[in-house]
Amino acid sequence: MKEEQVILVNKNDEPIGLMNKMEAHEKAVLHRAFSVFILNDKNEVMLQQRAHHKYHSPLLWTNTCCSHQRAGETNIEAGKRRLFEEMGFEVELKELFHFIYKAPFDNGLTEHELDHVMIGYYNGEPIINDDEVESWKWMKIEAIKDDMVQNPVIYTVWFKIIFDEFYHYLEDHKL
C-alpha cells in the first residue's frame, strides 16, 4: 500500500509540493490539513476517541474528524470523505476559518499544519470505523472547555489548540 501524501504549503496556503505523510510529520514541514466539528441541534459537539492501536495519541479524545487533503481535492471534499471513512455518515460542511499551528508529540513527530476548520450538523449516531475510532460521544461546548482544564491529558494535543480557536471563533461569530 502506497503511503499517503500531504500537500506542502507556504503560510499563504499556496501548494509548494507533496511529501509522504510520515516524513512531513518527522520533519515538521508545514502542510495542509482540516478539522471537522459536527454539532447537533442541542449545540453539542460530536467527539471521537481515537482507536487504541493508532501510532500516536491512541485513546485520546478529539474533534469529530481531522485529516489531510489529497492532491486535487477541495477542503470540503476532503472533509466529507474523511468524515464518512471514520464516522460513517455524510453531511454538508462549511469552512469557518483556517490557521497555522505546530504541535509536537511524545513520539518525536510534529504536526505543523495550516488547518482548515469546518462545521456540519447531524443528529444521528455515527457508524464508527474501528480502524480509526474507539468510541464517540456528544458534549456541550462549555463542558468540553471545562473538561480540558480538569482533564487535559485525555485530549489530543492538536484538539486543545484547535478547540481554543473554534471556541473563540464562536464567541465572535453567529453560526
Protein backbone atom coordinates (compact mmCIF):
# COMPACT_ATOMS: atom_id res chain seq x y z
CA MET A 1 0.00 0.00 0.00
CA LYS A 2 1.35 3.41 -1.01
CA GLU A 3 1.88 5.83 1.85
CA GLU A 4 -0.49 8.77 1.84
CA GLN A 5 0.98 12.10 0.80
CA VAL A 6 0.25 15.53 2.25
CA ILE A 7 0.18 18.84 0.40
CA LEU A 8 3.05 21.08 1.46
CA VAL A 9 2.04 24.74 1.59
CA ASN A 10 3.50 28.13 2.40
CA LYS A 11 1.95 30.39 5.04
CA ASN A 12 -0.49 31.71 2.39
CA ASP A 13 -1.83 28.16 1.79
CA GLU A 14 -0.25 28.02 -1.66
CA PRO A 15 0.81 24.46 -2.58
CA ILE A 16 4.58 24.00 -2.93
CA GLY A 17 4.81 20.22 -3.27
CA LEU A 18 3.87 16.81 -1.92
CA MET A 19 5.55 14.70 0.75
CA ASN A 20 4.84 11.37 2.39
CA LYS A 21 2.74 11.97 5.50
CA MET A 22 5.16 10.32 7.93
CA GLU A 23 8.15 12.24 6.53
CA ALA A 24 6.25 15.55 6.83
CA HIS A 25 5.48 14.77 10.49
CA GLU A 26 9.07 13.69 11.18
CA LYS A 27 10.49 16.89 9.63
CA ALA A 28 7.71 19.19 10.98
CA VAL A 29 7.09 20.60 7.49
CA LEU A 30 4.06 22.90 7.05
CA HIS A 31 1.26 21.09 5.25
CA ARG A 32 -2.46 21.44 4.59
CA ALA A 33 -4.94 19.76 6.92
CA PHE A 34 -8.55 20.02 8.02
CA SER A 35 -10.59 19.60 11.19
CA VAL A 36 -14.33 18.87 11.21
CA PHE A 37 -16.66 19.78 14.07
CA ILE A 38 -20.11 18.17 13.90
CA LEU A 39 -22.80 19.76 16.08
CA ASN A 40 -26.31 18.56 16.83
CA ASP A 41 -29.45 20.62 17.41
CA LYS A 42 -28.63 20.77 21.15
CA ASN A 43 -25.40 22.62 20.28
CA GLU A 44 -23.29 19.64 21.36
CA VAL A 45 -20.09 18.63 19.57
CA MET A 46 -19.57 15.04 18.45
CA LEU A 47 -16.19 13.96 19.82
CA GLN A 48 -14.32 10.86 18.77
CA GLN A 49 -11.92 8.78 20.82
CA ARG A 50 -9.01 7.65 18.67
CA ALA A 51 -8.60 3.90 18.20
CA HIS A 52 -6.39 2.10 20.73
CA HIS A 53 -3.91 0.92 18.06
CA LYS A 54 -3.21 4.33 16.44
CA TYR A 55 0.54 5.10 16.16
CA HIS A 56 0.11 8.37 18.05
CA SER A 57 -2.45 9.70 20.51
CA PRO A 58 -4.31 6.39 20.98
CA LEU A 59 -7.49 6.52 23.08
CA LEU A 60 -7.39 10.32 23.32
CA TRP A 61 -10.48 12.40 22.64
CA THR A 62 -10.56 14.81 19.72
CA ASN A 63 -12.91 16.61 17.34
CA THR A 64 -15.29 14.66 15.09
CA CYS A 65 -12.61 14.02 12.49
CA CYS A 66 -9.47 15.52 11.04
CA SER A 67 -7.00 14.54 8.38
CA HIS A 68 -5.20 15.79 5.28
CA GLN A 69 -6.44 16.83 1.87
CA ARG A 70 -5.28 14.79 -1.11
CA ALA A 71 -3.84 16.36 -4.26
CA GLY A 72 -6.68 17.72 -6.39
CA GLU A 73 -9.23 17.53 -3.57
CA THR A 74 -11.02 20.61 -2.20
CA ASN A 75 -11.13 21.17 1.55
CA ILE A 76 -14.85 20.35 1.67
CA GLU A 77 -14.42 17.20 -0.45
CA ALA A 78 -11.64 16.03 1.87
CA GLY A 79 -13.70 16.74 4.99
CA LYS A 80 -16.72 14.86 3.64
CA ARG A 81 -14.57 11.90 2.52
CA ARG A 82 -12.83 11.51 5.85
CA LEU A 83 -16.00 12.08 7.89
CA PHE A 84 -17.62 9.20 6.01
CA GLU A 85 -14.49 6.98 6.29
CA GLU A 86 -14.17 7.50 10.06
CA MET A 87 -17.71 8.18 11.31
CA GLY A 88 -19.88 6.59 8.60
CA PHE A 89 -22.19 9.47 7.70
CA GLU A 90 -22.39 12.34 5.24
CA VAL A 91 -23.47 15.95 5.84
CA GLU A 92 -22.91 19.31 4.24
CA LEU A 93 -19.82 21.06 5.60
CA LYS A 94 -18.97 24.74 5.75
CA GLU A 95 -15.44 26.07 6.16
CA LEU A 96 -15.24 28.58 9.00
CA PHE A 97 -11.59 29.67 9.08
CA HIS A 98 -8.02 28.42 8.82
CA PHE A 99 -4.91 28.96 10.91
CA ILE A 100 -1.40 27.59 11.36
CA TYR A 101 -0.29 25.62 14.40
CA LYS A 102 2.63 23.45 15.45
CA ALA A 103 2.22 20.63 17.97
CA PRO A 104 4.97 18.14 18.90
CA PHE A 105 4.10 14.61 20.08
CA ASP A 106 5.85 12.46 22.66
CA ASN A 107 6.97 10.05 19.90
CA GLY A 108 9.12 12.65 18.10
CA LEU A 109 6.59 13.51 15.38
CA THR A 110 5.26 17.04 14.95
CA GLU A 111 2.05 18.36 13.45
CA HIS A 112 2.82 21.61 11.61
CA GLU A 113 -0.39 22.34 9.81
CA LEU A 114 -2.34 25.00 8.02
CA ASP A 115 -5.65 23.73 9.31
CA HIS A 116 -8.99 24.41 7.63
CA VAL A 117 -11.70 24.23 10.30
CA MET A 118 -15.16 23.11 9.12
CA ILE A 119 -18.55 22.67 10.70
CA GLY A 120 -21.53 20.46 9.92
CA TYR A 121 -24.77 19.43 11.60
CA TYR A 122 -26.06 15.93 12.36
CA ASN A 123 -28.43 14.46 14.94
CA GLY A 124 -27.94 10.74 14.38
CA GLU A 125 -25.49 8.16 15.63
CA PRO A 126 -22.29 7.53 13.68
CA ILE A 127 -21.28 4.12 12.33
CA ILE A 128 -17.68 4.26 13.50
CA ASN A 129 -14.75 2.69 11.67
CA ASP A 130 -12.97 0.54 14.29
CA ASP A 131 -9.64 1.03 12.48
CA GLU A 132 -9.82 4.75 13.26
CA VAL A 133 -12.25 5.30 16.13
CA GLU A 134 -12.58 3.62 19.53
CA SER A 135 -15.69 5.46 20.72
CA TRP A 136 -17.66 8.70 20.39
CA LYS A 137 -19.89 11.00 22.44
CA TRP A 138 -21.79 14.28 22.33
CA MET A 139 -20.56 17.07 24.62
CA LYS A 140 -21.70 20.63 25.19
CA ILE A 141 -19.15 23.21 24.06
CA GLU A 142 -18.80 24.72 27.55
CA ALA A 143 -18.40 21.22 29.05
CA ILE A 144 -15.52 20.50 26.66
CA LYS A 145 -13.83 23.76 27.61
CA ASP A 146 -14.17 22.96 31.35
CA ASP A 147 -13.12 19.31 30.94
CA MET A 148 -9.96 20.30 29.05
CA VAL A 149 -8.91 22.30 32.11
CA GLN A 150 -9.80 19.46 34.53
CA ASN A 151 -8.52 16.55 32.39
CA PRO A 152 -6.10 17.86 29.75
CA VAL A 153 -4.30 14.52 29.32
CA ILE A 154 -7.36 12.80 27.82
CA TYR A 155 -7.42 15.12 24.77
CA THR A 156 -5.16 15.18 21.72
CA VAL A 157 -2.53 17.90 21.60
CA TRP A 158 -3.96 19.37 18.41
CA PHE A 159 -7.56 19.31 19.63
CA LYS A 160 -6.67 21.53 22.58
CA ILE A 161 -5.23 24.07 20.12
CA ILE A 162 -7.98 23.76 17.50
CA PHE A 163 -10.81 23.82 20.06
CA ASP A 164 -9.47 27.06 21.52
CA GLU A 165 -9.52 28.66 18.04
CA PHE A 166 -13.02 27.22 17.38
CA TYR A 167 -14.32 28.45 20.73
CA HIS A 168 -13.05 32.00 20.10
CA TYR A 169 -14.50 31.93 16.59
CA LEU A 170 -17.92 31.06 18.06
CA GLU A 171 -17.60 33.95 20.51
CA ASP A 172 -17.06 36.38 17.63
CA HIS A 173 -19.48 34.97 15.01
CA LYS A 174 -23.07 33.83 14.80
CA LEU A 175 -23.45 30.48 13.10
